[in-house]
Amino acid sequence: MPLTIRMPYGGGVRAPELHRGFTGGVLRPHPGIKVAVPSTQRMRRACSPLRFVTLNPVVFFEPKALYRNDRESIPEGEHLVPLGHARTVRDGSEASIVAYGAMVRVAEAAADTSPAEGISVLVQDVRTLRPLDEALCWRLRGAPGAS
């Protein structure tokens, strides 16, 4: 049944009633349910309920930090985000950080302030917990033949 549920989660924005309310890990194992978590305002808009074209229910967890802290400009027009495809935030080859939601910005900051100079850090934004980008998982494992 096509259904989209939007749920805010996360802390750090002086709204304590939902700071521990992330149930994405509980919903992820259930077959047929899609779980999406945006990391930017642009993705939040692209993943808005009217833009999901799927016959399965989608639970859309929105980090509350995006509501107040993200000042990204959003261009007009359609910007669809495919479910199940990770986004490369920063290229690198010596270390990898995989994050989702509001933690992508923290991962970028960590990559910027790596203790050793010259370390190339890959930062990936998972974007959807279900379906998970399995090609990304194989690439990070270094599987032979993974593109």
Foldseek 3Di string as FASTA:
>chain_A
DEAEAEAEEDDDPPPPPHPPPDCCVVPLVDPQEWEFAAAEPQVCVQVPSVNDDDPGYYYYYYYVCRVPPHPDDHDDDHDHDDGADKDWPFDFDQEEDEEEHNCLVVVVVCQVPPPDPPHGYTYIYQRISVVTNVLVVCVVVVPPPRD
